[in-house]
Protein backbone atom coordinates (compact mmCIF):
# COMPACT_ATOMS: atom_id res chain seq x y z
CA MET A 1 9.62 25.07 -19.02
CA VAL A 2 6.59 23.28 -20.36
CA LEU A 3 5.47 20.04 -18.58
CA LYS A 4 3.93 17.33 -20.72
CA GLU A 5 0.75 15.61 -19.62
CA LEU A 6 1.91 11.88 -19.43
CA PRO A 7 -0.44 8.94 -18.83
CA VAL A 8 -0.14 6.97 -15.59
CA VAL A 9 1.56 3.70 -16.38
CA PRO A 10 1.66 0.85 -13.86
CA SER A 11 5.25 -0.33 -13.08
CA ALA A 12 4.29 -3.95 -12.64
CA GLU A 13 3.04 -6.55 -15.03
CA PRO A 14 -0.80 -6.59 -15.39
CA GLY A 15 -2.43 -8.48 -12.53
CA SER A 16 0.80 -9.23 -10.60
CA LEU A 17 -0.19 -7.05 -7.62
CA ALA A 18 -3.93 -7.59 -7.26
CA GLU A 19 -4.32 -11.18 -8.44
CA SER A 20 -1.57 -13.04 -6.74
CA PRO A 21 -1.13 -13.35 -2.91
CA ASN A 22 1.88 -11.96 -1.22
CA SER A 23 3.37 -15.09 0.37
CA ALA A 24 6.36 -13.27 1.83
CA ILE A 25 4.12 -11.63 4.46
CA GLN A 26 3.11 -13.53 7.59
CA ARG A 27 0.00 -12.11 9.30
CA ILE A 28 -0.14 -12.00 13.09
CA VAL A 29 -3.63 -10.64 13.33
CA ARG A 30 -6.45 -10.60 10.70
CA PRO A 31 -9.59 -8.50 10.17
CA VAL A 32 -12.95 -10.03 10.91
CA ILE A 33 -16.23 -8.26 10.01
CA ILE A 34 -18.33 -8.49 13.21
CA ASP A 35 -21.17 -6.21 12.05
CA GLN A 36 -21.80 -5.42 8.39
CA THR A 37 -24.15 -2.49 9.40
CA LEU A 38 -21.22 -0.72 11.13
CA VAL A 39 -18.65 -1.22 8.38
CA ASN A 40 -17.89 2.12 6.67
CA PRO A 41 -17.62 1.60 2.83
CA ILE A 42 -14.69 4.03 2.71
CA VAL A 43 -12.41 1.17 4.00
CA LEU A 44 -12.61 -0.19 0.42
CA LEU A 45 -10.38 2.74 -0.62
CA TYR A 46 -8.08 2.66 2.41
CA CYS A 47 -6.98 -1.02 2.11
CA PRO A 48 -3.49 -0.92 0.58
CA ASP A 49 -3.74 -4.49 -0.74
CA GLY A 50 -7.25 -4.46 -2.17
CA ALA A 51 -8.18 -7.26 0.23
CA LEU A 52 -11.66 -5.77 0.86
CA PHE A 53 -14.25 -5.97 -1.82
CA LEU A 54 -17.96 -5.83 -2.36
CA LYS A 55 -19.86 -9.07 -2.82
CA GLY A 56 -23.48 -8.09 -3.55
CA ASP A 57 -24.26 -5.58 -0.78
CA GLU A 58 -21.67 -6.89 1.68
CA ILE A 59 -18.05 -6.08 2.28
CA VAL A 60 -15.91 -9.19 2.31
CA VAL A 61 -12.24 -9.75 3.26
CA SER A 62 -9.96 -11.73 0.90
CA TYR A 63 -7.47 -13.32 3.29
CA LYS A 64 -5.48 -14.43 0.21
CA HIS A 65 -4.43 -10.72 -0.25
CA CYS A 66 -4.74 -9.35 3.35
CA LYS A 67 -1.36 -8.73 5.09
CA GLY A 68 -2.99 -7.84 8.45
CA CYS A 69 -2.09 -4.16 8.66
CA GLY A 70 -5.27 -3.18 10.49
CA ILE A 71 -6.08 0.00 8.63
CA CYS A 72 -9.62 -1.29 7.98
CA ALA A 73 -10.25 -1.93 11.65
CA LYS A 74 -8.90 1.53 12.60
CA GLU A 75 -11.27 3.25 10.11
CA SER A 76 -14.36 1.18 10.73
CA GLU A 77 -16.15 0.08 13.94
CA GLY A 78 -17.62 -3.06 12.23
CA ILE A 79 -14.24 -4.69 11.68
CA GLU A 80 -12.10 -6.16 14.47
CA MET A 81 -8.59 -7.51 14.39
CA VAL A 82 -8.25 -11.04 15.88
CA PRO A 83 -5.14 -13.23 16.31
CA GLU A 84 -4.35 -15.28 13.25
CA TYR A 85 -3.49 -18.44 15.22
CA THR A 86 -5.06 -19.37 18.46
CA GLY A 87 -3.90 -22.91 18.82
CA PRO A 88 -1.19 -24.42 21.08
CA ARG A 89 2.16 -22.47 21.10
CA GLY A 90 5.62 -23.94 21.07
CA ILE A 91 5.01 -27.10 19.13
CA PHE A 92 7.03 -26.07 16.09
């Protein structure tokens, strides 16, 4: 049996995954970069949503795309997960 070399083809429409936010996910915690010097650049590859990106020489979090999984904070000492909402509870 001979296997053919086929190209990798995305299964979604162009830009539908990376350009639009996932509004169905509600974050409980969010990543905050506390020290840029301690952020390991490998987290850019680990983020499943592409929420981390380079802006100049700094790594920045796009909260529009972040779902709050915490992988970046687990893999890098310069990122810390903080509660998304710290206001009064029980109002709504």
